[in-house]
N, C-alpha and C. Protein backbone atom coordinates (compact mmCIF):
# COMPACT_ATOMS: atom_id res chain seq x y z
N MET A 1 1.00 -1.20 0.11
CA MET A 1 0.17 0.18 -0.14
C MET A 1 0.92 1.16 -0.11
N ARG A 2 0.66 2.17 -0.99
CA ARG A 2 1.43 3.31 -1.08
C ARG A 2 0.49 4.62 -0.55
N ILE A 3 1.20 5.33 0.37
CA ILE A 3 0.64 6.54 0.91
C ILE A 3 1.22 7.77 0.42
N LEU A 4 0.47 8.78 0.09
CA LEU A 4 1.07 9.98 -0.43
C LEU A 4 0.98 11.02 0.58
N ILE A 5 1.69 11.63 1.17
CA ILE A 5 1.50 12.86 2.11
C ILE A 5 1.43 14.12 1.39
N LYS A 6 0.52 14.60 1.00
CA LYS A 6 0.26 15.77 0.10
C LYS A 6 0.37 17.17 1.24
N ARG A 7 0.04 16.92 2.23
CA ARG A 7 0.11 18.32 3.20
C ARG A 7 0.39 17.87 4.73
N LEU A 8 1.06 18.87 5.38
CA LEU A 8 1.18 18.67 6.73
C LEU A 8 0.60 19.66 7.37
N GLU A 9 -0.31 19.21 8.50
CA GLU A 9 -0.81 20.33 9.15
C GLU A 9 0.00 21.15 10.09
N ILE A 10 -0.05 22.30 9.89
CA ILE A 10 1.13 23.16 10.49
C ILE A 10 1.16 23.11 12.14
N TRP A 11 -0.19 23.18 12.54
CA TRP A 11 -0.47 23.45 14.18
C TRP A 11 0.12 22.16 14.60
N SER A 12 -0.14 20.84 14.00
CA SER A 12 0.19 19.58 14.67
C SER A 12 1.56 19.50 14.84
N VAL A 13 2.46 19.93 13.71
CA VAL A 13 3.82 19.81 13.36
C VAL A 13 4.48 20.84 14.36
N VAL A 14 3.98 21.78 14.74
CA VAL A 14 4.37 22.73 15.59
C VAL A 14 4.34 22.44 17.11
N LYS A 15 3.06 21.77 17.41
CA LYS A 15 3.05 21.09 18.74
C LYS A 15 4.05 20.01 19.13
N ILE A 16 4.26 19.03 18.22
CA ILE A 16 5.20 18.15 18.58
C ILE A 16 6.51 18.57 18.39
N VAL A 17 6.85 19.48 17.52
CA VAL A 17 8.46 20.06 17.62
C VAL A 17 8.57 20.74 18.79
N PHE A 18 7.50 21.54 19.30
CA PHE A 18 7.74 22.37 20.50
C PHE A 18 8.07 21.42 21.77
N LEU A 19 7.33 20.44 21.92
CA LEU A 19 7.43 19.51 22.93
C LEU A 19 8.80 18.89 23.01
N LEU A 20 9.12 18.28 21.77
CA LEU A 20 10.38 17.67 21.68
C LEU A 20 11.54 18.45 21.87
N SER A 21 11.43 19.93 21.27
CA SER A 21 12.62 20.75 21.41
C SER A 21 12.82 21.39 22.87
N LEU A 22 11.58 21.14 23.53
CA LEU A 22 11.71 21.56 25.01
C LEU A 22 12.49 20.66 25.97
N ILE A 23 12.18 19.33 25.55
CA ILE A 23 12.94 18.28 26.14
C ILE A 23 14.44 18.22 25.83
N LEU A 24 14.66 18.21 24.50
CA LEU A 24 16.10 18.34 24.03
C LEU A 24 16.74 19.46 24.71
N GLY A 25 16.10 20.75 24.35
CA GLY A 25 16.80 21.90 24.82
C GLY A 25 17.13 21.82 26.49
N PHE A 26 16.18 21.10 27.20
CA PHE A 26 16.64 21.19 28.48
C PHE A 26 17.81 20.16 28.84
N LEU A 27 17.90 19.08 27.97
CA LEU A 27 19.02 18.08 28.13
C LEU A 27 20.37 18.77 27.77
N PHE A 28 20.22 19.42 26.62
CA PHE A 28 21.46 20.03 26.07
C PHE A 28 21.85 21.35 27.01
N SER A 29 21.10 21.84 27.61
CA SER A 29 21.25 23.01 28.18
C SER A 29 21.93 22.51 29.63
N LEU A 30 21.44 21.45 30.09
CA LEU A 30 21.86 20.80 31.41
C LEU A 30 23.31 20.31 31.19
N LEU A 31 23.65 19.80 30.17
CA LEU A 31 24.94 19.24 29.64
C LEU A 31 25.97 20.57 29.65
N TYR A 32 25.44 21.43 29.05
CA TYR A 32 26.24 22.63 28.80
C TYR A 32 26.65 23.45 30.23
N ALA A 33 25.47 23.65 30.90
CA ALA A 33 25.61 24.08 32.27
C ALA A 33 26.57 23.31 33.23
N GLY A 34 26.58 22.08 33.02
CA GLY A 34 27.47 21.09 33.80
C GLY A 34 28.92 21.33 33.39
N PHE A 35 29.23 21.68 31.81
CA PHE A 35 30.31 21.90 31.55
C PHE A 35 30.90 23.17 32.00
N ILE A 36 29.98 24.21 31.98
CA ILE A 36 30.50 25.57 32.43
C ILE A 36 30.81 25.45 33.90
N MET A 37 30.09 24.61 34.60
CA MET A 37 30.61 24.63 36.16
C MET A 37 31.74 23.82 36.41
N VAL A 38 32.21 22.73 35.42
CA VAL A 38 33.34 22.08 35.73
C VAL A 38 34.51 22.85 35.36
N MET A 39 34.23 23.74 34.20
CA MET A 39 35.17 24.50 33.55
C MET A 39 35.62 25.61 34.45
N SER A 40 34.62 26.23 35.16
CA SER A 40 34.78 27.33 36.15
C SER A 40 35.50 26.94 37.42
N SER A 41 35.52 25.77 37.91
CA SER A 41 36.10 25.24 38.93
C SER A 41 37.72 24.82 38.74
N PHE A 42 37.94 24.56 37.27
CA PHE A 42 39.11 24.38 37.15
C PHE A 42 40.18 25.68 36.66
N MET A 43 39.19 26.87 36.59
CA MET A 43 39.81 28.22 36.06
C MET A 43 40.73 28.68 37.18
N GLY A 44 40.33 28.45 38.42
CA GLY A 44 41.42 28.89 39.37
C GLY A 44 42.65 28.13 39.43
N ALA A 45 42.52 26.93 39.17
CA ALA A 45 43.92 26.05 39.36
C ALA A 45 44.84 26.44 38.04
N ILE A 46 43.98 26.85 36.77
CA ILE A 46 44.77 27.12 35.55
C ILE A 46 45.42 28.49 35.83
N GLY A 47 44.57 29.47 36.15
CA GLY A 47 44.92 31.03 36.25
C GLY A 47 45.74 31.15 37.30
N GLY A 48 45.80 30.47 38.38
CA GLY A 48 46.54 30.61 39.74
C GLY A 48 45.89 31.54 40.60
N GLU A 49 44.58 32.12 40.40
CA GLU A 49 44.10 32.98 41.28
C GLU A 49 42.98 32.27 41.85
N ASP A 50 42.58 32.79 42.89
CA ASP A 50 41.29 32.20 43.90
C ASP A 50 40.08 32.58 43.19
N ILE A 51 39.25 31.81 42.91
CA ILE A 51 38.01 32.21 42.39
C ILE A 51 36.81 31.87 43.24
N THR A 52 37.13 31.61 44.31
CA THR A 52 36.08 31.19 45.33
C THR A 52 34.80 32.14 45.41
N PRO A 53 35.24 33.43 45.58
CA PRO A 53 34.10 34.36 45.48
C PRO A 53 33.10 34.31 44.19
N MET A 54 33.83 33.89 43.18
CA MET A 54 32.99 33.73 41.99
C MET A 54 32.25 32.37 41.66
N LEU A 55 32.38 31.45 42.57
CA LEU A 55 31.61 30.28 42.58
C LEU A 55 30.13 30.43 42.72
N PRO A 56 29.40 31.24 43.54
CA PRO A 56 27.92 31.51 43.51
C PRO A 56 27.55 32.07 42.12
N ALA A 57 28.28 32.91 41.54
CA ALA A 57 27.97 33.49 40.28
C ALA A 57 28.05 32.42 39.35
N SER A 58 28.90 31.56 39.51
CA SER A 58 28.79 30.34 38.33
C SER A 58 27.54 29.49 38.41
N GLY A 59 27.17 29.37 39.84
CA GLY A 59 25.98 28.63 39.98
C GLY A 59 24.82 29.40 39.35
N LEU A 60 24.74 30.55 39.50
CA LEU A 60 23.48 31.50 39.00
C LEU A 60 23.65 31.55 37.58
N LEU A 61 24.84 31.36 36.86
CA LEU A 61 25.02 31.47 35.37
C LEU A 61 24.49 29.97 34.92
N ALA A 62 24.67 28.81 35.71
CA ALA A 62 24.34 27.64 35.31
C ALA A 62 22.75 27.63 35.05
N ILE A 63 22.25 28.05 36.20
CA ILE A 63 20.75 28.19 36.17
C ILE A 63 20.18 29.04 35.06
N LEU A 64 20.85 30.16 34.81
CA LEU A 64 20.39 30.85 33.61
C LEU A 64 20.56 30.17 32.20
N ILE A 65 21.58 29.53 32.32
CA ILE A 65 21.95 28.72 31.15
C ILE A 65 20.92 27.65 30.69
N ILE A 66 20.54 27.02 31.89
CA ILE A 66 19.43 25.83 31.90
C ILE A 66 17.99 26.44 31.30
N PHE A 67 17.77 27.52 31.73
CA PHE A 67 16.33 28.14 31.52
C PHE A 67 16.47 28.83 29.98
N GLY A 68 17.36 29.66 29.96
CA GLY A 68 17.72 30.33 28.73
C GLY A 68 17.91 29.50 27.55
N GLY A 69 18.63 28.43 27.86
CA GLY A 69 19.12 27.49 26.69
C GLY A 69 17.75 26.73 26.33
N THR A 70 17.07 26.35 27.29
CA THR A 70 15.81 25.48 26.90
C THR A 70 14.84 26.38 26.23
N ILE A 71 14.58 27.60 26.63
CA ILE A 71 13.60 28.40 25.92
C ILE A 71 14.00 28.87 24.57
N SER A 72 15.38 29.24 24.41
CA SER A 72 15.79 29.68 23.08
C SER A 72 15.91 28.30 22.22
N PHE A 73 16.22 27.13 22.57
CA PHE A 73 16.18 26.09 21.81
C PHE A 73 14.92 25.74 21.31
N ALA A 74 13.86 25.77 22.15
CA ALA A 74 12.34 25.42 21.71
C ALA A 74 11.93 26.52 20.87
N PHE A 75 12.21 27.82 21.25
CA PHE A 75 11.71 28.92 20.29
C PHE A 75 12.31 28.76 18.65
N PHE A 76 13.52 28.56 18.65
CA PHE A 76 14.12 28.46 17.25
C PHE A 76 13.79 27.23 16.55
N TYR A 77 13.77 26.38 17.47
CA TYR A 77 13.20 24.87 16.62
C TYR A 77 11.80 24.87 16.11
N THR A 78 11.01 25.54 16.94
CA THR A 78 9.42 25.71 16.62
C THR A 78 9.29 26.81 15.72
N ILE A 79 10.16 27.78 15.60
CA ILE A 79 9.90 28.62 14.34
C ILE A 79 10.47 27.86 13.04
N SER A 80 11.64 27.24 13.15
CA SER A 80 12.10 26.54 12.02
C SER A 80 11.08 25.44 11.42
N ALA A 81 10.39 24.67 12.31
CA ALA A 81 9.52 23.69 12.05
C ALA A 81 8.17 24.53 11.30
N LEU A 82 7.99 25.58 11.79
CA LEU A 82 6.79 26.30 11.33
C LEU A 82 7.19 26.79 9.63
N ILE A 83 8.37 27.22 9.63
CA ILE A 83 8.80 27.63 8.33
C ILE A 83 8.75 26.46 7.31
N PHE A 84 9.67 25.45 7.83
CA PHE A 84 9.74 24.36 6.98
C PHE A 84 8.56 23.47 6.39
N SER A 85 7.59 23.40 7.56
CA SER A 85 6.15 22.58 7.10
C SER A 85 5.59 23.77 6.29
N SER A 86 5.45 24.98 6.34
CA SER A 86 4.69 25.79 5.43
C SER A 86 5.57 25.67 3.98
N LEU A 87 6.75 25.64 4.12
CA LEU A 87 7.43 25.27 2.55
C LEU A 87 7.05 24.07 2.05
N TYR A 88 7.15 22.94 2.84
CA TYR A 88 6.78 21.69 2.48
C TYR A 88 5.30 21.61 1.59
N ASN A 89 4.26 22.28 2.46
CA ASN A 89 2.90 22.55 1.87
C ASN A 89 2.97 23.24 0.55
N ILE A 90 3.62 24.11 0.54
CA ILE A 90 3.91 24.98 -0.83
C ILE A 90 4.39 24.26 -1.99
N PHE A 91 5.43 23.65 -1.75
CA PHE A 91 6.27 22.80 -2.78
C PHE A 91 5.68 21.37 -3.19
N SER A 92 4.85 20.90 -2.05
CA SER A 92 4.05 19.63 -2.47
C SER A 92 2.87 19.97 -3.29
N ARG A 93 2.34 21.15 -3.23
CA ARG A 93 1.25 21.48 -4.17
C ARG A 93 1.83 21.45 -5.64
N MET A 94 3.06 22.02 -5.75
CA MET A 94 3.73 22.15 -6.89
C MET A 94 4.16 20.91 -7.57
N VAL A 95 4.91 20.13 -6.69
CA VAL A 95 5.46 18.83 -7.44
C VAL A 95 4.99 17.47 -6.67
N GLY A 96 4.31 17.53 -5.96
CA GLY A 96 3.55 16.42 -5.20
C GLY A 96 4.43 16.12 -3.88
N GLY A 97 3.90 15.46 -3.12
CA GLY A 97 4.49 15.07 -1.61
C GLY A 97 5.38 13.87 -1.48
N PHE A 98 5.61 13.45 -0.31
CA PHE A 98 6.32 12.15 -0.17
C PHE A 98 5.48 10.99 -0.35
N THR A 99 6.10 9.96 -0.84
CA THR A 99 5.33 8.80 -0.96
C THR A 99 5.77 7.77 -0.09
N ILE A 100 5.19 6.93 0.79
CA ILE A 100 5.37 6.05 1.78
C ILE A 100 5.14 4.66 1.26
N GLU A 101 5.78 3.78 1.56
CA GLU A 101 5.22 2.22 1.42
C GLU A 101 4.77 1.89 2.69
N ALA A 102 3.49 1.40 2.76
CA ALA A 102 3.11 0.98 4.11
C ALA A 102 2.43 -0.44 3.88
N GLU A 103 2.40 -0.93 5.02
CA GLU A 103 1.74 -2.33 4.92
C GLU A 103 0.57 -2.44 6.10
N GLN A 104 -0.52 -3.16 5.79
CA GLN A 104 -1.66 -3.06 6.54
C GLN A 104 -1.48 -4.41 7.56
N LEU A 105 -1.51 -4.01 8.77
CA LEU A 105 -1.45 -5.18 9.59
C LEU A 105 -2.70 -6.18 9.65
N ASP A 106 -2.66 -7.20 10.18
CA ASP A 106 -3.78 -8.40 10.27
C ASP A 106 -4.66 -7.79 11.42
N LYS A 107 -5.80 -7.59 10.91
CA LYS A 107 -6.76 -6.94 12.19
C LYS A 107 -7.18 -8.19 12.99
N ASP A 108 -7.20 -9.49 12.68
CA ASP A 108 -7.49 -10.36 13.52
C ASP A 108 -6.57 -10.59 14.60
N LEU A 109 -5.37 -10.38 14.61
CA LEU A 109 -4.21 -10.36 15.63
C LEU A 109 -4.80 -9.53 16.69
N ASP A 110 -5.24 -8.12 16.44
CA ASP A 110 -5.42 -7.41 17.48
C ASP A 110 -6.62 -8.00 18.31
N VAL A 111 -7.71 -8.61 17.84
CA VAL A 111 -8.84 -9.10 18.52
C VAL A 111 -8.37 -10.34 19.50
N VAL A 112 -7.36 -11.30 18.80
CA VAL A 112 -6.88 -12.28 19.47
C VAL A 112 -6.13 -11.71 20.71
N SER A 113 -5.38 -10.88 20.82
CA SER A 113 -4.80 -10.20 21.62
C SER A 113 -5.46 -9.48 22.91
N GLN A 114 -6.63 -8.92 22.40
CA GLN A 114 -7.57 -8.39 23.32
C GLN A 114 -8.37 -9.45 24.15
N THR A 115 -8.92 -10.63 23.47
CA THR A 115 -9.49 -11.49 24.20
C THR A 115 -8.49 -12.45 25.15
N TYR A 116 -7.19 -12.38 24.82
CA TYR A 116 -6.34 -12.88 25.63
C TYR A 116 -6.19 -12.23 26.84
N ILE A 117 -6.20 -10.92 26.78
CA ILE A 117 -5.96 -9.92 28.07
C ILE A 117 -7.13 -10.19 28.88
N LEU A 118 -8.43 -10.22 28.18
CA LEU A 118 -9.64 -10.23 29.06
C LEU A 118 -9.58 -11.74 29.71
N ASP A 119 -9.05 -12.71 29.11
CA ASP A 119 -9.05 -14.10 29.87
C ASP A 119 -8.13 -13.98 30.93
N GLN A 120 -7.19 -13.39 30.76
CA GLN A 120 -6.10 -13.30 31.89
C GLN A 120 -6.65 -12.53 33.20
N ASP A 121 -7.52 -11.46 32.77
CA ASP A 121 -8.10 -10.81 33.81
C ASP A 121 -9.08 -11.31 34.67
N ASN A 122 -9.91 -12.40 33.89
CA ASN A 122 -10.88 -13.26 34.60
C ASN A 122 -10.33 -14.13 35.53
N LYS A 123 -9.14 -14.69 35.15
CA LYS A 123 -8.62 -15.81 35.95
C LYS A 123 -8.12 -15.31 37.29
N GLU A 124 -7.77 -14.04 37.36
CA GLU A 124 -7.24 -13.34 38.59
C GLU A 124 -8.22 -13.12 39.54
């Protein structure tokens, strides 16, 4: 079975990309903030000066990196998904969309698994 994707609904693409980019942005920002914290602790050893008064500021910087990085990552990826899905809709009208080869699953298999679950619940 061949399926042709003629159009992407922009709102659904934006919702999915926004949620995924929030999660990925948080993870990348957390890694970057951890890197900044580690590098700031080594800065005193490399430079030879005492940076103990600056350590609370580096903690505040890490928190700002986590929140700011997450928000900016989500913002830019959501805007780019909005632009690219709009461009896909425009170009798919002119030249056609993606064609996907799909296979239909056996419907009887789903019924068997549901009755098996019901039988298991009745035995307990």
